[in-house]
Amino acid sequence: MLTSAVALLSFVSVNKKKTVAVRSAKRVHRVTKDSTANPYYIIIDKSEYELYVYDDEGWYATYPIVFGSKDLGDKMREGDKRTPDGTFKIILKKIHKQWGPELLLDYPNQVSVQKFNERKAKGLLPKNARIGDGIAIHATRPSEEWTVDNFYNWTDGCVSVKYTEMKDLYSYIPVGTVVTIRQ
């Protein structure tokens, strides 16, 4: 009986923040109900294909993700299928008719516009290039979670999370959350 109790306790996490397994979205919710402050921020690491959620105590959860282009460089212009680098905010939560839960980012923001204009002035972009918009963190279609498992970049520059895991992320991340996207 003692052996069974020890074996059972070995699966119980002492630190609830360490409950997310590698490439899994299992975690423990710990949100103060009466708090009006947003304890979350998100870091998207393009080179690791991971979305990390942090709260006021540190690391909170990790979700595997995919993007648009295999080229993980910074978004240069509309239509290049790249995901922009930088710091953004979630400005809208909605349910998209094709892929469900969606967190819309404030791309392009002032910094994005400045980088775009500098690239145009240096001749790195055609004069008729447009910056684009509509960058979001959104789900895969329910039957296409395999795209994340296989690192299949399919979006037009958005960040895609498995449908089942995006429902979870969407449930607790509020509008106004800061999102940093890096290579």
N, C-alpha and C. Protein backbone atom coordinates (compact mmCIF):
# COMPACT_ATOMS: atom_id res chain seq x y z
N MET A 1 0.83 -1.19 0.00
CA MET A 1 0.00 0.00 0.00
C MET A 1 0.87 1.25 0.00
N LEU A 2 1.94 1.23 0.80
CA LEU A 2 2.85 2.36 0.83
C LEU A 2 3.49 2.58 -0.54
N THR A 3 3.85 1.49 -1.23
CA THR A 3 4.44 1.59 -2.57
C THR A 3 3.45 2.22 -3.54
N SER A 4 2.18 1.85 -3.44
CA SER A 4 1.15 2.43 -4.31
C SER A 4 0.98 3.92 -4.04
N ALA A 5 1.01 4.32 -2.79
CA ALA A 5 0.87 5.74 -2.45
C ALA A 5 2.06 6.53 -2.97
N VAL A 6 3.27 6.00 -2.82
CA VAL A 6 4.46 6.68 -3.33
C VAL A 6 4.40 6.79 -4.85
N ALA A 7 3.99 5.71 -5.52
CA ALA A 7 3.86 5.73 -6.97
C ALA A 7 2.84 6.77 -7.41
N LEU A 8 1.73 6.86 -6.72
CA LEU A 8 0.69 7.83 -7.05
C LEU A 8 1.20 9.25 -6.85
N LEU A 9 1.89 9.49 -5.75
CA LEU A 9 2.41 10.82 -5.47
C LEU A 9 3.48 11.25 -6.46
N SER A 10 4.17 10.30 -7.08
CA SER A 10 5.20 10.67 -8.05
C SER A 10 4.61 11.30 -9.30
N PHE A 11 3.31 11.11 -9.54
CA PHE A 11 2.65 11.72 -10.69
C PHE A 11 1.98 13.04 -10.37
N VAL A 12 1.95 13.42 -9.10
CA VAL A 12 1.32 14.67 -8.68
C VAL A 12 2.36 15.77 -8.73
N SER A 13 2.05 16.84 -9.41
CA SER A 13 2.99 17.96 -9.55
C SER A 13 2.98 18.80 -8.28
N VAL A 14 4.16 19.06 -7.74
CA VAL A 14 4.27 19.91 -6.56
C VAL A 14 4.09 21.37 -6.98
N ASN A 15 4.66 21.74 -8.10
CA ASN A 15 4.55 23.11 -8.61
C ASN A 15 3.53 23.09 -9.75
N LYS A 16 2.38 23.67 -9.54
CA LYS A 16 1.31 23.58 -10.53
C LYS A 16 1.68 24.21 -11.86
N LYS A 17 2.69 25.06 -11.92
CA LYS A 17 3.11 25.67 -13.16
C LYS A 17 3.87 24.69 -14.04
N LYS A 18 4.33 23.60 -13.52
CA LYS A 18 5.10 22.63 -14.29
C LYS A 18 4.23 21.51 -14.84
N THR A 19 2.91 21.69 -14.90
CA THR A 19 2.04 20.63 -15.36
C THR A 19 1.93 20.52 -16.87
N VAL A 20 2.46 21.48 -17.61
CA VAL A 20 2.40 21.42 -19.06
C VAL A 20 3.52 20.52 -19.54
N ALA A 21 3.16 19.47 -20.21
CA ALA A 21 4.16 18.57 -20.77
C ALA A 21 4.70 19.16 -22.07
N VAL A 22 5.82 18.65 -22.53
CA VAL A 22 6.38 19.13 -23.78
C VAL A 22 5.36 18.92 -24.90
N ARG A 23 5.11 20.00 -25.65
CA ARG A 23 4.18 20.01 -26.78
C ARG A 23 2.78 19.57 -26.37
N SER A 24 2.35 20.01 -25.19
CA SER A 24 1.02 19.73 -24.70
C SER A 24 0.45 20.99 -24.08
N ALA A 25 -0.87 21.05 -23.97
CA ALA A 25 -1.49 22.24 -23.40
C ALA A 25 -2.17 21.95 -22.07
N LYS A 26 -1.81 20.89 -21.41
CA LYS A 26 -2.41 20.59 -20.10
C LYS A 26 -1.84 21.55 -19.08
N ARG A 27 -2.68 22.13 -18.28
CA ARG A 27 -2.23 23.07 -17.25
C ARG A 27 -3.33 23.24 -16.22
N VAL A 28 -2.99 23.95 -15.16
CA VAL A 28 -3.94 24.22 -14.10
C VAL A 28 -4.32 25.69 -14.16
N HIS A 29 -5.61 25.99 -14.21
CA HIS A 29 -6.05 27.39 -14.20
C HIS A 29 -5.85 27.98 -12.82
N ARG A 30 -5.30 29.18 -12.75
CA ARG A 30 -5.07 29.86 -11.50
C ARG A 30 -5.31 31.35 -11.73
N VAL A 31 -6.55 31.74 -11.77
CA VAL A 31 -6.90 33.13 -12.03
C VAL A 31 -7.72 33.64 -10.86
N THR A 32 -7.33 34.79 -10.34
CA THR A 32 -8.09 35.40 -9.25
C THR A 32 -9.38 35.97 -9.82
N LYS A 33 -10.51 35.52 -9.36
CA LYS A 33 -11.80 35.91 -9.93
C LYS A 33 -12.12 37.38 -9.73
N ASP A 34 -11.67 37.97 -8.61
CA ASP A 34 -12.04 39.36 -8.35
C ASP A 34 -11.01 40.36 -8.88
N SER A 35 -10.00 39.89 -9.59
CA SER A 35 -8.96 40.77 -10.11
C SER A 35 -9.37 41.35 -11.45
N THR A 36 -9.14 42.65 -11.64
CA THR A 36 -9.41 43.27 -12.93
C THR A 36 -8.14 43.39 -13.75
N ALA A 37 -6.99 43.13 -13.15
CA ALA A 37 -5.72 43.19 -13.86
C ALA A 37 -5.53 41.92 -14.69
N ASN A 38 -4.90 42.08 -15.84
CA ASN A 38 -4.60 40.94 -16.71
C ASN A 38 -3.24 40.38 -16.31
N PRO A 39 -3.20 39.16 -15.76
CA PRO A 39 -1.91 38.62 -15.32
C PRO A 39 -1.12 37.96 -16.45
N TYR A 40 -1.63 37.91 -17.68
CA TYR A 40 -1.01 37.13 -18.75
C TYR A 40 -0.24 37.97 -19.76
N TYR A 41 0.78 37.35 -20.33
CA TYR A 41 1.41 37.83 -21.56
C TYR A 41 1.89 36.60 -22.32
N ILE A 42 2.04 36.76 -23.62
CA ILE A 42 2.35 35.64 -24.51
C ILE A 42 3.65 35.92 -25.25
N ILE A 43 4.48 34.90 -25.35
CA ILE A 43 5.67 34.96 -26.20
C ILE A 43 5.54 33.84 -27.23
N ILE A 44 5.63 34.23 -28.49
CA ILE A 44 5.60 33.27 -29.59
C ILE A 44 7.01 33.16 -30.13
N ASP A 45 7.57 31.97 -30.03
CA ASP A 45 8.92 31.73 -30.51
C ASP A 45 8.82 30.96 -31.83
N LYS A 46 9.07 31.66 -32.93
CA LYS A 46 8.90 31.05 -34.25
C LYS A 46 9.89 29.92 -34.48
N SER A 47 11.11 30.05 -34.00
CA SER A 47 12.11 29.01 -34.24
C SER A 47 11.80 27.72 -33.48
N GLU A 48 11.07 27.84 -32.39
CA GLU A 48 10.72 26.66 -31.59
C GLU A 48 9.30 26.16 -31.87
N TYR A 49 8.54 26.90 -32.70
CA TYR A 49 7.16 26.55 -32.99
C TYR A 49 6.35 26.38 -31.70
N GLU A 50 6.53 27.32 -30.79
CA GLU A 50 5.87 27.26 -29.49
C GLU A 50 5.28 28.62 -29.12
N LEU A 51 4.11 28.59 -28.48
CA LEU A 51 3.47 29.75 -27.89
C LEU A 51 3.53 29.55 -26.39
N TYR A 52 4.19 30.48 -25.70
CA TYR A 52 4.36 30.40 -24.25
C TYR A 52 3.46 31.43 -23.58
N VAL A 53 2.72 30.99 -22.58
CA VAL A 53 1.89 31.90 -21.78
C VAL A 53 2.57 32.08 -20.44
N TYR A 54 2.69 33.34 -20.03
CA TYR A 54 3.25 33.68 -18.72
C TYR A 54 2.20 34.46 -17.95
N ASP A 55 2.26 34.35 -16.64
CA ASP A 55 1.41 35.18 -15.80
C ASP A 55 2.30 35.89 -14.78
N ASP A 56 1.69 36.51 -13.79
CA ASP A 56 2.47 37.30 -12.83
C ASP A 56 3.41 36.46 -11.96
N GLU A 57 3.32 35.15 -12.03
CA GLU A 57 4.23 34.28 -11.29
C GLU A 57 5.25 33.59 -12.18
N GLY A 58 5.17 33.79 -13.49
CA GLY A 58 6.13 33.16 -14.41
C GLY A 58 5.43 32.31 -15.45
N TRP A 59 6.16 31.28 -15.92
CA TRP A 59 5.66 30.41 -16.97
C TRP A 59 4.35 29.75 -16.55
N TYR A 60 3.39 29.70 -17.48
CA TYR A 60 2.06 29.18 -17.17
C TYR A 60 1.66 28.02 -18.07
N ALA A 61 1.88 28.13 -19.38
CA ALA A 61 1.47 27.08 -20.31
C ALA A 61 2.25 27.21 -21.61
N THR A 62 2.31 26.11 -22.36
CA THR A 62 2.96 26.07 -23.66
C THR A 62 2.05 25.37 -24.65
N TYR A 63 1.95 25.93 -25.86
CA TYR A 63 1.14 25.35 -26.93
C TYR A 63 1.98 25.23 -28.19
N PRO A 64 1.94 24.10 -28.88
CA PRO A 64 2.62 23.99 -30.18
C PRO A 64 1.84 24.78 -31.23
N ILE A 65 2.56 25.36 -32.19
CA ILE A 65 1.94 26.24 -33.18
C ILE A 65 2.58 26.06 -34.55
N VAL A 66 1.92 26.60 -35.57
CA VAL A 66 2.48 26.73 -36.91
C VAL A 66 2.15 28.12 -37.44
N PHE A 67 2.72 28.43 -38.62
CA PHE A 67 2.60 29.76 -39.20
C PHE A 67 2.13 29.67 -40.64
N GLY A 68 2.54 30.64 -41.46
CA GLY A 68 2.20 30.65 -42.87
C GLY A 68 3.33 30.10 -43.71
N SER A 69 4.43 30.83 -43.74
CA SER A 69 5.57 30.48 -44.58
C SER A 69 6.58 29.65 -43.81
N LYS A 70 7.33 28.82 -44.56
CA LYS A 70 8.47 28.12 -43.95
C LYS A 70 9.58 29.11 -43.62
N ASP A 71 9.58 30.25 -44.31
CA ASP A 71 10.51 31.33 -44.02
C ASP A 71 10.00 32.03 -42.76
N LEU A 72 10.68 31.86 -41.67
CA LEU A 72 10.22 32.41 -40.39
C LEU A 72 10.70 33.84 -40.14
N GLY A 73 11.20 34.49 -41.20
CA GLY A 73 11.63 35.87 -41.08
C GLY A 73 10.45 36.79 -40.82
N ASP A 74 10.76 38.05 -40.56
CA ASP A 74 9.74 39.06 -40.27
C ASP A 74 8.84 39.29 -41.49
N LYS A 75 7.59 39.58 -41.24
CA LYS A 75 6.65 39.92 -42.31
C LYS A 75 7.16 41.18 -43.00
N MET A 76 7.23 41.13 -44.33
CA MET A 76 7.71 42.28 -45.10
C MET A 76 6.55 43.06 -45.71
N ARG A 77 5.54 42.32 -46.21
CA ARG A 77 4.42 42.97 -46.89
C ARG A 77 3.24 42.03 -47.00
N GLU A 78 2.13 42.58 -47.38
CA GLU A 78 0.91 41.81 -47.58
C GLU A 78 1.16 40.71 -48.61
N GLY A 79 0.67 39.51 -48.30
CA GLY A 79 0.76 38.40 -49.23
C GLY A 79 1.99 37.55 -49.14
N ASP A 80 2.96 37.89 -48.26
CA ASP A 80 4.19 37.09 -48.19
C ASP A 80 4.04 35.87 -47.27
N LYS A 81 2.91 35.73 -46.63
CA LYS A 81 2.58 34.59 -45.74
C LYS A 81 3.48 34.50 -44.50
N ARG A 82 4.29 35.51 -44.25
CA ARG A 82 5.15 35.51 -43.06
C ARG A 82 4.39 36.06 -41.87
N THR A 83 4.84 35.64 -40.69
CA THR A 83 4.29 36.13 -39.42
C THR A 83 5.17 37.28 -38.94
N PRO A 84 4.57 38.42 -38.56
CA PRO A 84 5.38 39.57 -38.17
C PRO A 84 6.11 39.35 -36.84
N ASP A 85 7.31 39.93 -36.75
CA ASP A 85 8.04 39.98 -35.48
C ASP A 85 7.63 41.26 -34.78
N GLY A 86 7.67 41.25 -33.46
CA GLY A 86 7.40 42.46 -32.71
C GLY A 86 6.50 42.22 -31.52
N THR A 87 6.08 43.32 -30.92
CA THR A 87 5.21 43.26 -29.76
C THR A 87 3.86 43.86 -30.15
N PHE A 88 2.81 43.09 -29.88
CA PHE A 88 1.45 43.46 -30.27
C PHE A 88 0.52 43.27 -29.08
N LYS A 89 -0.73 43.66 -29.26
CA LYS A 89 -1.76 43.43 -28.25
C LYS A 89 -2.94 42.72 -28.90
N ILE A 90 -3.62 41.92 -28.10
CA ILE A 90 -4.86 41.30 -28.58
C ILE A 90 -5.94 42.37 -28.49
N ILE A 91 -6.58 42.64 -29.63
CA ILE A 91 -7.58 43.71 -29.68
C ILE A 91 -9.01 43.19 -29.82
N LEU A 92 -9.16 41.90 -30.15
CA LEU A 92 -10.50 41.35 -30.35
C LEU A 92 -10.47 39.84 -30.19
N LYS A 93 -11.47 39.32 -29.50
CA LYS A 93 -11.69 37.87 -29.41
C LYS A 93 -12.97 37.58 -30.18
N LYS A 94 -12.91 36.61 -31.09
CA LYS A 94 -14.11 36.25 -31.84
C LYS A 94 -14.06 34.79 -32.26
N ILE A 95 -15.18 34.30 -32.71
CA ILE A 95 -15.25 32.95 -33.26
C ILE A 95 -15.32 33.09 -34.77
N HIS A 96 -14.30 32.60 -35.45
CA HIS A 96 -14.23 32.67 -36.91
C HIS A 96 -15.05 31.52 -37.49
N LYS A 97 -15.73 31.77 -38.59
CA LYS A 97 -16.62 30.75 -39.17
C LYS A 97 -15.87 29.52 -39.67
N GLN A 98 -14.58 29.64 -40.04
CA GLN A 98 -13.84 28.49 -40.54
C GLN A 98 -13.01 27.79 -39.47
N TRP A 99 -12.29 28.56 -38.64
CA TRP A 99 -11.40 27.90 -37.69
C TRP A 99 -11.67 28.22 -36.23
N GLY A 100 -12.83 28.71 -35.94
CA GLY A 100 -13.24 28.85 -34.55
C GLY A 100 -12.57 29.96 -33.78
N PRO A 101 -12.11 29.69 -32.55
CA PRO A 101 -11.57 30.73 -31.66
C PRO A 101 -10.41 31.49 -32.30
N GLU A 102 -10.48 32.82 -32.17
CA GLU A 102 -9.48 33.67 -32.79
C GLU A 102 -9.18 34.86 -31.87
N LEU A 103 -7.89 35.18 -31.74
CA LEU A 103 -7.43 36.35 -30.99
C LEU A 103 -6.75 37.28 -31.99
N LEU A 104 -7.42 38.37 -32.36
CA LEU A 104 -6.91 39.29 -33.36
C LEU A 104 -5.87 40.24 -32.74
N LEU A 105 -4.72 40.39 -33.42
CA LEU A 105 -3.65 41.26 -32.96
C LEU A 105 -3.76 42.64 -33.60
N ASP A 106 -3.12 43.62 -32.99
CA ASP A 106 -3.15 44.99 -33.51
C ASP A 106 -2.07 45.22 -34.57
N TYR A 107 -1.87 44.23 -35.43
CA TYR A 107 -0.96 44.39 -36.56
C TYR A 107 -1.72 44.98 -37.72
N PRO A 108 -1.20 46.01 -38.39
CA PRO A 108 0.06 46.66 -38.12
C PRO A 108 -0.07 47.72 -37.03
N ASN A 109 0.91 47.75 -36.17
CA ASN A 109 0.95 48.81 -35.16
C ASN A 109 1.97 49.86 -35.61
N GLN A 110 2.23 50.84 -34.78
CA GLN A 110 3.11 51.95 -35.16
C GLN A 110 4.52 51.47 -35.53
N VAL A 111 5.06 50.53 -34.78
CA VAL A 111 6.40 50.01 -35.05
C VAL A 111 6.42 49.25 -36.38
N SER A 112 5.39 48.45 -36.63
CA SER A 112 5.29 47.70 -37.89
C SER A 112 5.25 48.64 -39.08
N VAL A 113 4.47 49.71 -38.98
CA VAL A 113 4.35 50.69 -40.06
C VAL A 113 5.70 51.36 -40.29
N GLN A 114 6.40 51.70 -39.22
CA GLN A 114 7.71 52.34 -39.34
C GLN A 114 8.70 51.42 -40.07
N LYS A 115 8.77 50.13 -39.66
CA LYS A 115 9.67 49.18 -40.33
C LYS A 115 9.31 49.04 -41.81
N PHE A 116 8.02 48.95 -42.10
CA PHE A 116 7.54 48.81 -43.48
C PHE A 116 7.96 50.02 -44.31
N ASN A 117 7.74 51.21 -43.79
CA ASN A 117 8.09 52.44 -44.52
C ASN A 117 9.59 52.55 -44.75
N GLU A 118 10.40 52.15 -43.76
CA GLU A 118 11.86 52.18 -43.91
C GLU A 118 12.30 51.21 -45.00
N ARG A 119 11.71 50.03 -45.04
CA ARG A 119 12.06 49.04 -46.06
C ARG A 119 11.68 49.54 -47.46
N LYS A 120 10.54 50.19 -47.54
CA LYS A 120 10.12 50.75 -48.82
C LYS A 120 11.08 51.85 -49.26
N ALA A 121 11.46 52.73 -48.33
CA ALA A 121 12.36 53.84 -48.64
C ALA A 121 13.73 53.33 -49.10
N LYS A 122 14.18 52.19 -48.57
CA LYS A 122 15.47 51.61 -48.95
C LYS A 122 15.38 50.81 -50.25
N GLY A 123 14.17 50.68 -50.80
CA GLY A 123 13.99 49.94 -52.03
C GLY A 123 13.92 48.44 -51.84
N LEU A 124 13.72 47.99 -50.60
CA LEU A 124 13.62 46.56 -50.32
C LEU A 124 12.24 46.00 -50.70
N LEU A 125 11.29 46.90 -50.91
CA LEU A 125 9.93 46.53 -51.27
C LEU A 125 9.48 47.34 -52.49
N PRO A 126 8.62 46.76 -53.31
CA PRO A 126 8.09 47.54 -54.44
C PRO A 126 7.30 48.75 -53.95
N LYS A 127 7.26 49.79 -54.75
CA LYS A 127 6.55 51.01 -54.37
C LYS A 127 5.06 50.76 -54.14
N ASN A 128 4.49 49.77 -54.82
CA ASN A 128 3.06 49.48 -54.67
C ASN A 128 2.77 48.44 -53.58
N ALA A 129 3.78 48.02 -52.83
CA ALA A 129 3.59 47.03 -51.75
C ALA A 129 2.69 47.61 -50.66
N ARG A 130 1.90 46.74 -50.08
CA ARG A 130 1.04 47.13 -48.96
C ARG A 130 1.46 46.33 -47.74
N ILE A 131 1.22 46.89 -46.56
CA ILE A 131 1.67 46.27 -45.32
C ILE A 131 0.83 45.05 -44.92
N GLY A 132 -0.44 45.05 -45.24
CA GLY A 132 -1.32 43.95 -44.85
C GLY A 132 -1.90 44.17 -43.46
N ASP A 133 -2.78 43.28 -43.07
CA ASP A 133 -3.41 43.36 -41.74
C ASP A 133 -4.08 42.02 -41.44
N GLY A 134 -4.84 41.98 -40.37
CA GLY A 134 -5.60 40.77 -40.05
C GLY A 134 -4.78 39.64 -39.48
N ILE A 135 -3.70 39.93 -38.79
CA ILE A 135 -2.88 38.88 -38.18
C ILE A 135 -3.52 38.48 -36.85
N ALA A 136 -3.66 37.16 -36.65
CA ALA A 136 -4.33 36.65 -35.46
C ALA A 136 -3.66 35.37 -34.97
N ILE A 137 -3.99 35.01 -33.75
CA ILE A 137 -3.71 33.68 -33.22
C ILE A 137 -5.05 32.96 -33.34
N HIS A 138 -5.09 31.88 -34.11
CA HIS A 138 -6.36 31.18 -34.30
C HIS A 138 -6.17 29.68 -34.35
N ALA A 139 -7.26 28.99 -34.32
CA ALA A 139 -7.25 27.53 -34.32
C ALA A 139 -7.08 26.96 -35.72
N THR A 140 -6.72 25.69 -35.77
CA THR A 140 -6.82 24.93 -37.00
C THR A 140 -8.30 24.58 -37.17
N ARG A 141 -8.67 24.07 -38.29
CA ARG A 141 -10.01 23.48 -38.40
C ARG A 141 -9.99 22.22 -37.53
N PRO A 142 -11.15 21.82 -36.98
CA PRO A 142 -11.16 20.67 -36.07
C PRO A 142 -10.50 19.41 -36.64
N SER A 143 -10.65 19.16 -37.92
CA SER A 143 -10.09 17.94 -38.51
C SER A 143 -8.66 18.12 -39.01
N GLU A 144 -8.07 19.29 -38.79
CA GLU A 144 -6.73 19.55 -39.32
C GLU A 144 -5.69 19.85 -38.24
N GLU A 145 -5.88 19.27 -37.05
CA GLU A 145 -4.89 19.45 -35.99
C GLU A 145 -3.54 18.84 -36.38
N TRP A 146 -3.54 17.90 -37.31
CA TRP A 146 -2.33 17.25 -37.78
C TRP A 146 -1.33 18.27 -38.35
N THR A 147 -1.82 19.41 -38.82
CA THR A 147 -0.91 20.42 -39.38
C THR A 147 0.09 20.89 -38.33
N VAL A 148 -0.35 21.00 -37.09
CA VAL A 148 0.54 21.42 -36.01
C VAL A 148 1.50 20.28 -35.65
N ASP A 149 0.98 19.08 -35.55
CA ASP A 149 1.83 17.93 -35.23
C ASP A 149 2.95 17.73 -36.24
N ASN A 150 2.68 18.07 -37.50
CA ASN A 150 3.64 17.87 -38.59
C ASN A 150 4.36 19.15 -39.02
N PHE A 151 4.23 20.23 -38.23
CA PHE A 151 4.88 21.51 -38.52
C PHE A 151 4.56 21.98 -39.94
N TYR A 152 3.32 21.79 -40.36
CA TYR A 152 2.87 22.20 -41.69
C TYR A 152 2.35 23.63 -41.62
N ASN A 153 3.15 24.57 -42.13
CA ASN A 153 2.78 25.98 -42.12
C ASN A 153 1.76 26.23 -43.23
N TRP A 154 0.57 26.67 -42.85
CA TRP A 154 -0.52 26.78 -43.82
C TRP A 154 -1.25 28.12 -43.81
N THR A 155 -1.00 28.99 -42.86
CA THR A 155 -1.78 30.22 -42.75
C THR A 155 -1.27 31.30 -43.71
N ASP A 156 -1.93 32.43 -43.71
CA ASP A 156 -1.48 33.57 -44.51
C ASP A 156 -0.59 34.51 -43.71
N GLY A 157 -0.06 34.03 -42.59
CA GLY A 157 0.80 34.84 -41.73
C GLY A 157 0.36 34.83 -40.28
N CYS A 158 -0.77 34.19 -40.03
CA CYS A 158 -1.27 34.08 -38.65
C CYS A 158 -0.52 32.98 -37.90
N VAL A 159 -0.79 32.90 -36.62
CA VAL A 159 -0.28 31.84 -35.76
C VAL A 159 -1.43 30.87 -35.54
N SER A 160 -1.20 29.59 -35.81
CA SER A 160 -2.26 28.59 -35.68
C SER A 160 -1.96 27.60 -34.56
N VAL A 161 -2.97 27.37 -33.72
CA VAL A 161 -2.91 26.46 -32.59
C VAL A 161 -3.91 25.34 -32.87
N LYS A 162 -3.65 24.14 -32.37
CA LYS A 162 -4.62 23.05 -32.53
C LYS A 162 -6.00 23.51 -32.05
N TYR A 163 -7.04 23.07 -32.75
CA TYR A 163 -8.40 23.49 -32.44
C TYR A 163 -8.75 23.25 -30.96
N THR A 164 -8.48 22.05 -30.46
CA THR A 164 -8.84 21.73 -29.08
C THR A 164 -8.05 22.58 -28.08
N GLU A 165 -6.80 22.85 -28.39
CA GLU A 165 -5.97 23.64 -27.49
C GLU A 165 -6.29 25.14 -27.59
N MET A 166 -6.70 25.58 -28.77
CA MET A 166 -7.05 26.99 -28.94
C MET A 166 -8.31 27.31 -28.15
N LYS A 167 -9.25 26.37 -28.07
CA LYS A 167 -10.44 26.60 -27.25
C LYS A 167 -10.04 26.87 -25.80
N ASP A 168 -9.04 26.16 -25.32
CA ASP A 168 -8.54 26.35 -23.96
C ASP A 168 -7.88 27.72 -23.82
N LEU A 169 -6.96 28.06 -24.71
CA LEU A 169 -6.26 29.35 -24.67
C LEU A 169 -7.26 30.50 -24.73
N TYR A 170 -8.20 30.40 -25.63
CA TYR A 170 -9.23 31.43 -25.83
C TYR A 170 -10.06 31.64 -24.55
N SER A 171 -10.25 30.58 -23.79
CA SER A 171 -11.11 30.65 -22.61
C SER A 171 -10.57 31.55 -21.50
N TYR A 172 -9.25 31.77 -21.47
CA TYR A 172 -8.72 32.55 -20.35
C TYR A 172 -7.88 33.77 -20.75
N ILE A 173 -7.50 33.89 -21.99
CA ILE A 173 -6.69 35.05 -22.41
C ILE A 173 -7.61 36.22 -22.74
N PRO A 174 -7.47 37.35 -22.05
CA PRO A 174 -8.37 38.49 -22.31
C PRO A 174 -7.84 39.44 -23.40
N VAL A 175 -8.75 40.24 -23.92
CA VAL A 175 -8.38 41.33 -24.81
C VAL A 175 -7.40 42.23 -24.05
N GLY A 176 -6.41 42.74 -24.74
CA GLY A 176 -5.41 43.60 -24.10
C GLY A 176 -4.12 42.86 -23.76
N THR A 177 -4.13 41.54 -23.87
CA THR A 177 -2.94 40.76 -23.55
C THR A 177 -1.81 41.11 -24.53
N VAL A 178 -0.62 41.31 -24.00
CA VAL A 178 0.55 41.62 -24.81
C VAL A 178 1.10 40.33 -25.41
N VAL A 179 1.44 40.38 -26.69
CA VAL A 179 1.97 39.23 -27.43
C VAL A 179 3.27 39.66 -28.10
N THR A 180 4.37 38.97 -27.76
CA THR A 180 5.66 39.21 -28.40
C THR A 180 5.93 38.05 -29.34
N ILE A 181 6.22 38.38 -30.60
CA ILE A 181 6.55 37.36 -31.60
C ILE A 181 8.01 37.56 -31.97
N ARG A 182 8.79 36.49 -31.83
CA ARG A 182 10.22 36.56 -32.10
C ARG A 182 10.69 35.34 -32.88
N GLN A 183 11.87 35.48 -33.48
CA GLN A 183 12.46 34.38 -34.24
C GLN A 183 13.31 33.51 -33.36
